N, C-alpha and C. Protein backbone atom coordinates (compact mmCIF):
# COMPACT_ATOMS: atom_id res chain seq x y z
N MET A 1 -37.95 58.18 33.59
CA MET A 1 -38.52 58.66 34.83
C MET A 1 -37.62 58.19 35.98
N THR A 2 -37.19 59.10 36.80
CA THR A 2 -36.27 58.74 37.88
C THR A 2 -36.97 58.48 39.20
N ASP A 3 -38.15 59.02 39.40
CA ASP A 3 -38.85 58.85 40.67
C ASP A 3 -40.32 58.51 40.43
N PRO A 4 -40.65 57.21 40.39
CA PRO A 4 -42.03 56.82 40.09
C PRO A 4 -43.04 57.21 41.16
N ILE A 5 -42.63 57.35 42.41
CA ILE A 5 -43.58 57.71 43.47
C ILE A 5 -43.99 59.18 43.34
N THR A 6 -43.04 60.04 43.04
CA THR A 6 -43.38 61.45 42.79
C THR A 6 -44.26 61.56 41.55
N ASP A 7 -43.97 60.78 40.53
CA ASP A 7 -44.80 60.76 39.32
C ASP A 7 -46.23 60.34 39.67
N MET A 8 -46.38 59.37 40.55
CA MET A 8 -47.70 58.91 40.98
C MET A 8 -48.49 60.06 41.60
N PHE A 9 -47.87 60.78 42.53
CA PHE A 9 -48.58 61.88 43.20
C PHE A 9 -48.81 63.06 42.27
N ASN A 10 -47.91 63.31 41.33
CA ASN A 10 -48.14 64.37 40.36
C ASN A 10 -49.32 64.04 39.46
N ARG A 11 -49.46 62.77 39.07
CA ARG A 11 -50.62 62.37 38.27
C ARG A 11 -51.92 62.56 39.06
N ILE A 12 -51.88 62.21 40.34
CA ILE A 12 -53.07 62.38 41.17
C ILE A 12 -53.42 63.87 41.30
N LYS A 13 -52.45 64.71 41.60
CA LYS A 13 -52.71 66.15 41.76
C LYS A 13 -53.19 66.78 40.46
N ASN A 14 -52.63 66.36 39.31
CA ASN A 14 -53.08 66.90 38.03
C ASN A 14 -54.51 66.48 37.73
N ALA A 15 -54.87 65.25 38.05
CA ALA A 15 -56.24 64.79 37.84
C ALA A 15 -57.20 65.51 38.77
N GLU A 16 -56.79 65.76 40.01
CA GLU A 16 -57.65 66.48 40.95
C GLU A 16 -57.84 67.94 40.54
N ALA A 17 -56.85 68.52 39.90
CA ALA A 17 -56.94 69.92 39.48
C ALA A 17 -58.04 70.14 38.46
N VAL A 18 -58.34 69.13 37.65
CA VAL A 18 -59.40 69.25 36.65
C VAL A 18 -60.62 68.41 37.01
N PHE A 19 -60.69 67.95 38.26
CA PHE A 19 -61.82 67.21 38.83
C PHE A 19 -62.15 65.93 38.06
N ASN A 20 -61.12 65.17 37.67
CA ASN A 20 -61.35 63.86 37.07
C ASN A 20 -61.82 62.89 38.15
N ASP A 21 -62.64 61.91 37.74
CA ASP A 21 -63.14 60.92 38.68
C ASP A 21 -62.07 59.90 39.06
N SER A 22 -61.17 59.60 38.11
CA SER A 22 -60.15 58.60 38.38
C SER A 22 -58.88 58.92 37.59
N VAL A 23 -57.81 58.21 37.94
CA VAL A 23 -56.53 58.38 37.26
C VAL A 23 -55.87 57.01 37.17
N GLU A 24 -55.15 56.77 36.07
CA GLU A 24 -54.42 55.52 35.89
C GLU A 24 -52.94 55.81 35.80
N MET A 25 -52.14 54.84 36.28
CA MET A 25 -50.68 54.96 36.24
C MET A 25 -50.07 53.57 36.13
N PRO A 26 -48.83 53.46 35.69
CA PRO A 26 -48.18 52.15 35.60
C PRO A 26 -48.11 51.48 36.96
N TYR A 27 -48.24 50.15 36.95
CA TYR A 27 -48.31 49.37 38.18
C TYR A 27 -46.93 49.07 38.76
N SER A 28 -46.83 49.15 40.08
CA SER A 28 -45.72 48.59 40.83
C SER A 28 -46.25 48.24 42.22
N GLU A 29 -45.59 47.31 42.88
CA GLU A 29 -46.04 46.87 44.20
C GLU A 29 -46.02 48.02 45.20
N VAL A 30 -44.97 48.85 45.15
CA VAL A 30 -44.85 49.96 46.10
C VAL A 30 -45.96 50.97 45.88
N LYS A 31 -46.23 51.33 44.63
CA LYS A 31 -47.31 52.30 44.36
C LYS A 31 -48.66 51.73 44.76
N MET A 32 -48.86 50.43 44.55
CA MET A 32 -50.13 49.80 44.94
C MET A 32 -50.30 49.85 46.45
N ARG A 33 -49.24 49.57 47.20
CA ARG A 33 -49.32 49.60 48.67
C ARG A 33 -49.56 51.03 49.17
N ILE A 34 -48.93 52.02 48.54
CA ILE A 34 -49.17 53.42 48.92
C ILE A 34 -50.63 53.79 48.65
N ALA A 35 -51.16 53.36 47.51
CA ALA A 35 -52.57 53.63 47.18
C ALA A 35 -53.50 52.96 48.20
N GLU A 36 -53.17 51.76 48.64
CA GLU A 36 -53.98 51.09 49.66
C GLU A 36 -53.95 51.85 50.98
N ILE A 37 -52.79 52.38 51.35
CA ILE A 37 -52.68 53.18 52.57
C ILE A 37 -53.53 54.45 52.45
N LEU A 38 -53.49 55.11 51.29
CA LEU A 38 -54.32 56.30 51.07
C LEU A 38 -55.80 55.96 51.14
N LYS A 39 -56.18 54.81 50.61
CA LYS A 39 -57.58 54.37 50.67
C LYS A 39 -58.01 54.10 52.11
N ASP A 40 -57.16 53.39 52.86
CA ASP A 40 -57.49 53.06 54.25
C ASP A 40 -57.63 54.29 55.13
N ASN A 41 -56.94 55.37 54.79
CA ASN A 41 -56.98 56.60 55.58
C ASN A 41 -57.91 57.66 55.01
N GLY A 42 -58.69 57.32 53.99
CA GLY A 42 -59.73 58.21 53.50
C GLY A 42 -59.29 59.30 52.55
N PHE A 43 -58.11 59.21 51.96
CA PHE A 43 -57.66 60.23 51.01
C PHE A 43 -58.20 59.96 49.60
N ILE A 44 -58.45 58.69 49.26
CA ILE A 44 -59.02 58.32 47.97
C ILE A 44 -60.17 57.35 48.21
N ILE A 45 -60.99 57.13 47.18
CA ILE A 45 -62.13 56.23 47.32
C ILE A 45 -61.71 54.77 47.18
N ASP A 46 -60.99 54.46 46.08
CA ASP A 46 -60.65 53.06 45.81
C ASP A 46 -59.42 52.99 44.92
N CYS A 47 -58.76 51.84 44.94
CA CYS A 47 -57.64 51.57 44.05
C CYS A 47 -57.73 50.12 43.58
N LYS A 48 -57.47 49.93 42.30
CA LYS A 48 -57.57 48.59 41.71
C LYS A 48 -56.42 48.36 40.75
N LYS A 49 -55.98 47.10 40.67
CA LYS A 49 -54.98 46.69 39.70
C LYS A 49 -55.73 46.17 38.48
N ARG A 50 -55.33 46.63 37.28
CA ARG A 50 -55.99 46.20 36.05
C ARG A 50 -54.94 45.83 35.01
N GLY A 51 -55.32 45.00 34.08
CA GLY A 51 -54.46 44.69 32.94
C GLY A 51 -53.78 43.34 33.04
N ALA A 52 -53.10 43.01 31.94
CA ALA A 52 -52.38 41.74 31.84
C ALA A 52 -50.95 41.90 32.35
N LYS A 53 -50.15 40.88 32.13
CA LYS A 53 -48.80 40.84 32.68
C LYS A 53 -47.95 42.06 32.33
N SER A 54 -47.83 42.39 31.08
CA SER A 54 -46.91 43.45 30.68
C SER A 54 -47.54 44.84 30.71
N SER A 55 -48.86 44.92 30.79
CA SER A 55 -49.50 46.24 30.74
C SER A 55 -50.38 46.47 31.97
N LYS A 56 -49.89 46.15 33.15
CA LYS A 56 -50.65 46.38 34.37
C LYS A 56 -50.69 47.87 34.69
N VAL A 57 -51.84 48.32 35.17
CA VAL A 57 -51.99 49.71 35.61
C VAL A 57 -52.74 49.72 36.93
N ILE A 58 -52.59 50.79 37.65
CA ILE A 58 -53.35 51.04 38.87
C ILE A 58 -54.39 52.10 38.54
N LYS A 59 -55.65 51.81 38.85
CA LYS A 59 -56.72 52.79 38.66
C LYS A 59 -57.12 53.29 40.05
N ILE A 60 -57.01 54.59 40.25
CA ILE A 60 -57.34 55.21 41.53
C ILE A 60 -58.57 56.08 41.34
N ASP A 61 -59.61 55.81 42.12
CA ASP A 61 -60.82 56.63 42.12
C ASP A 61 -60.63 57.75 43.14
N LEU A 62 -60.70 58.98 42.67
CA LEU A 62 -60.40 60.14 43.51
C LEU A 62 -61.61 60.56 44.34
N LYS A 63 -61.31 61.22 45.44
CA LYS A 63 -62.34 61.65 46.39
C LYS A 63 -62.39 63.18 46.43
N TYR A 64 -63.60 63.71 46.45
CA TYR A 64 -63.82 65.15 46.57
C TYR A 64 -64.88 65.40 47.63
N GLU A 65 -64.71 66.46 48.41
CA GLU A 65 -65.71 66.89 49.39
C GLU A 65 -65.87 68.39 49.27
N LYS A 66 -67.05 68.82 48.92
CA LYS A 66 -67.37 70.25 48.77
C LYS A 66 -66.36 70.95 47.85
N GLN A 67 -66.15 70.38 46.67
CA GLN A 67 -65.24 70.92 45.66
C GLN A 67 -63.78 70.97 46.13
N GLN A 68 -63.43 70.21 47.17
CA GLN A 68 -62.05 70.11 47.64
C GLN A 68 -61.55 68.70 47.39
N PRO A 69 -60.36 68.53 46.83
CA PRO A 69 -59.84 67.18 46.62
C PRO A 69 -59.47 66.51 47.93
N GLY A 70 -59.43 65.19 47.91
CA GLY A 70 -59.06 64.42 49.10
C GLY A 70 -57.63 64.64 49.52
N ILE A 71 -56.73 64.77 48.54
CA ILE A 71 -55.32 65.03 48.83
C ILE A 71 -55.06 66.51 48.56
N LEU A 72 -54.84 67.27 49.61
CA LEU A 72 -54.59 68.70 49.46
C LEU A 72 -53.14 68.99 49.09
N GLY A 73 -52.23 68.15 49.55
CA GLY A 73 -50.83 68.36 49.24
C GLY A 73 -49.99 67.16 49.62
N PHE A 74 -48.76 67.15 49.14
CA PHE A 74 -47.83 66.09 49.47
C PHE A 74 -46.41 66.64 49.44
N LYS A 75 -45.52 65.96 50.11
CA LYS A 75 -44.12 66.34 50.10
C LYS A 75 -43.28 65.07 50.09
N ARG A 76 -42.43 64.95 49.10
CA ARG A 76 -41.53 63.79 49.01
C ARG A 76 -40.37 64.04 49.96
N ILE A 77 -40.19 63.17 50.94
CA ILE A 77 -39.15 63.33 51.95
C ILE A 77 -37.87 62.61 51.50
N SER A 78 -37.94 61.31 51.35
CA SER A 78 -36.81 60.51 50.92
C SER A 78 -36.81 60.44 49.40
N LYS A 79 -35.78 60.96 48.77
CA LYS A 79 -35.71 61.01 47.32
C LYS A 79 -34.67 60.01 46.82
N PRO A 80 -34.67 59.69 45.53
CA PRO A 80 -33.68 58.74 45.03
C PRO A 80 -32.24 59.21 45.26
N GLY A 81 -31.98 60.50 45.25
CA GLY A 81 -30.63 61.01 45.46
C GLY A 81 -30.25 61.19 46.91
N GLN A 82 -31.23 61.22 47.80
CA GLN A 82 -30.96 61.42 49.22
C GLN A 82 -32.03 60.70 50.03
N ARG A 83 -31.66 59.57 50.58
CA ARG A 83 -32.59 58.79 51.41
C ARG A 83 -32.61 59.36 52.82
N ILE A 84 -33.81 59.46 53.38
CA ILE A 84 -33.99 59.98 54.73
C ILE A 84 -34.58 58.86 55.59
N TYR A 85 -33.88 58.53 56.66
CA TYR A 85 -34.32 57.48 57.57
C TYR A 85 -34.63 58.10 58.92
N GLY A 86 -35.55 57.50 59.64
CA GLY A 86 -35.90 57.99 60.96
C GLY A 86 -36.08 56.84 61.93
N GLN A 87 -35.61 57.05 63.14
CA GLN A 87 -35.85 56.07 64.19
C GLN A 87 -37.28 56.26 64.69
N ARG A 88 -37.76 55.29 65.44
CA ARG A 88 -39.17 55.31 65.84
C ARG A 88 -39.54 56.56 66.63
N HIS A 89 -38.64 57.07 67.45
CA HIS A 89 -38.97 58.25 68.26
C HIS A 89 -38.75 59.56 67.51
N SER A 90 -38.12 59.52 66.33
CA SER A 90 -37.89 60.76 65.58
C SER A 90 -38.88 60.95 64.43
N ILE A 91 -39.82 60.03 64.24
CA ILE A 91 -40.83 60.18 63.21
C ILE A 91 -41.92 61.12 63.74
N LYS A 92 -42.04 62.28 63.10
CA LYS A 92 -42.96 63.32 63.59
C LYS A 92 -44.33 63.18 62.97
N ARG A 93 -45.33 63.73 63.65
CA ARG A 93 -46.69 63.77 63.12
C ARG A 93 -46.77 64.80 62.01
N VAL A 94 -47.61 64.53 61.02
CA VAL A 94 -47.76 65.42 59.88
C VAL A 94 -48.99 66.30 60.09
N LYS A 95 -48.80 67.61 60.01
CA LYS A 95 -49.90 68.59 60.16
C LYS A 95 -50.71 68.34 61.42
N ASP A 96 -50.05 68.10 62.53
CA ASP A 96 -50.69 67.86 63.83
C ASP A 96 -51.70 66.72 63.78
N GLY A 97 -51.39 65.68 63.02
CA GLY A 97 -52.25 64.51 62.97
C GLY A 97 -53.27 64.53 61.85
N TYR A 98 -53.39 65.63 61.11
CA TYR A 98 -54.36 65.70 60.01
C TYR A 98 -53.81 65.05 58.73
N GLY A 99 -52.51 64.84 58.66
CA GLY A 99 -51.90 64.19 57.52
C GLY A 99 -51.26 62.89 57.95
N LEU A 100 -50.54 62.29 57.03
CA LEU A 100 -49.83 61.06 57.36
C LEU A 100 -48.52 61.01 56.60
N ALA A 101 -47.60 60.22 57.13
CA ALA A 101 -46.35 59.94 56.45
C ALA A 101 -46.32 58.45 56.14
N VAL A 102 -45.84 58.10 54.97
CA VAL A 102 -45.67 56.70 54.59
C VAL A 102 -44.23 56.33 54.90
N VAL A 103 -44.07 55.30 55.73
CA VAL A 103 -42.75 54.87 56.19
C VAL A 103 -42.50 53.45 55.71
N SER A 104 -41.31 53.23 55.14
CA SER A 104 -40.91 51.89 54.72
C SER A 104 -40.13 51.25 55.87
N THR A 105 -40.73 50.26 56.52
CA THR A 105 -40.13 49.60 57.68
C THR A 105 -39.73 48.18 57.30
N PRO A 106 -39.05 47.47 58.20
CA PRO A 106 -38.74 46.07 57.92
C PRO A 106 -39.98 45.20 57.75
N ARG A 107 -41.12 45.64 58.25
CA ARG A 107 -42.38 44.91 58.10
C ARG A 107 -43.22 45.40 56.92
N GLY A 108 -42.67 46.25 56.08
CA GLY A 108 -43.38 46.75 54.90
C GLY A 108 -43.76 48.21 55.06
N LEU A 109 -44.50 48.73 54.08
CA LEU A 109 -44.95 50.12 54.12
C LEU A 109 -46.10 50.27 55.11
N MET A 110 -46.03 51.34 55.89
CA MET A 110 -47.10 51.64 56.84
C MET A 110 -47.10 53.13 57.13
N THR A 111 -48.15 53.58 57.80
CA THR A 111 -48.24 54.99 58.16
C THR A 111 -47.31 55.29 59.33
N ASP A 112 -47.06 56.57 59.54
CA ASP A 112 -46.20 56.98 60.65
C ASP A 112 -46.79 56.58 62.00
N GLN A 113 -48.10 56.69 62.12
CA GLN A 113 -48.76 56.34 63.37
C GLN A 113 -48.62 54.84 63.66
N THR A 114 -48.81 54.01 62.66
CA THR A 114 -48.67 52.57 62.82
C THR A 114 -47.23 52.20 63.15
N ALA A 115 -46.27 52.88 62.53
CA ALA A 115 -44.86 52.60 62.79
C ALA A 115 -44.50 52.97 64.23
N ARG A 116 -45.02 54.10 64.71
CA ARG A 116 -44.74 54.48 66.10
C ARG A 116 -45.34 53.49 67.08
N LYS A 117 -46.56 53.00 66.81
CA LYS A 117 -47.20 52.02 67.69
C LYS A 117 -46.43 50.70 67.69
N ALA A 118 -45.90 50.31 66.52
CA ALA A 118 -45.15 49.06 66.42
C ALA A 118 -43.69 49.23 66.85
N LYS A 119 -43.32 50.46 67.24
CA LYS A 119 -41.96 50.80 67.67
C LYS A 119 -40.93 50.45 66.59
N LEU A 120 -41.24 50.90 65.35
CA LEU A 120 -40.38 50.66 64.21
C LEU A 120 -39.95 51.98 63.58
N GLY A 121 -38.76 52.02 63.06
CA GLY A 121 -38.27 53.14 62.28
C GLY A 121 -38.07 52.68 60.84
N GLY A 122 -37.64 53.59 59.98
CA GLY A 122 -37.40 53.22 58.60
C GLY A 122 -37.27 54.43 57.72
N GLU A 123 -37.38 54.21 56.42
CA GLU A 123 -37.27 55.28 55.45
C GLU A 123 -38.58 56.05 55.38
N ILE A 124 -38.53 57.34 55.64
CA ILE A 124 -39.72 58.19 55.57
C ILE A 124 -39.87 58.62 54.11
N MET A 125 -40.83 58.02 53.42
CA MET A 125 -40.93 58.19 51.97
C MET A 125 -41.65 59.47 51.56
N ILE A 126 -42.85 59.70 52.12
CA ILE A 126 -43.66 60.81 51.64
C ILE A 126 -44.62 61.26 52.74
N GLU A 127 -44.95 62.53 52.75
CA GLU A 127 -45.97 63.09 53.65
C GLU A 127 -47.16 63.52 52.81
N VAL A 128 -48.36 63.20 53.28
CA VAL A 128 -49.60 63.54 52.56
C VAL A 128 -50.54 64.23 53.52
N TRP A 129 -51.22 65.27 53.05
CA TRP A 129 -52.23 65.93 53.87
C TRP A 129 -53.39 66.37 53.02
């Protein structure tokens, strides 16, 4: 697997397509932080780390409203073959504020709105709506 973050979102979208209550994926700190950001912004219900040292997984409880999934779509911006960076004033709003972008800044992963308020730029990883 060359891009674990895209794999994470593909697993979520596949689980939402068949209306599963939850989805599990291999654990990493970056994926866990992205899941926490999605939880804080209301795209998913909950995320938990489970398992022992070598077999850790992330369990994400998915959200549905009126037969619509919480995550309607996503777009990977910065890919392993081409990194995309943005300065604080060039980070754009996603879907006129209805979505969010996850930005990797010197202070860690945060949403585009938080990065603009903190006057930070960084790698624009993914857009979610």
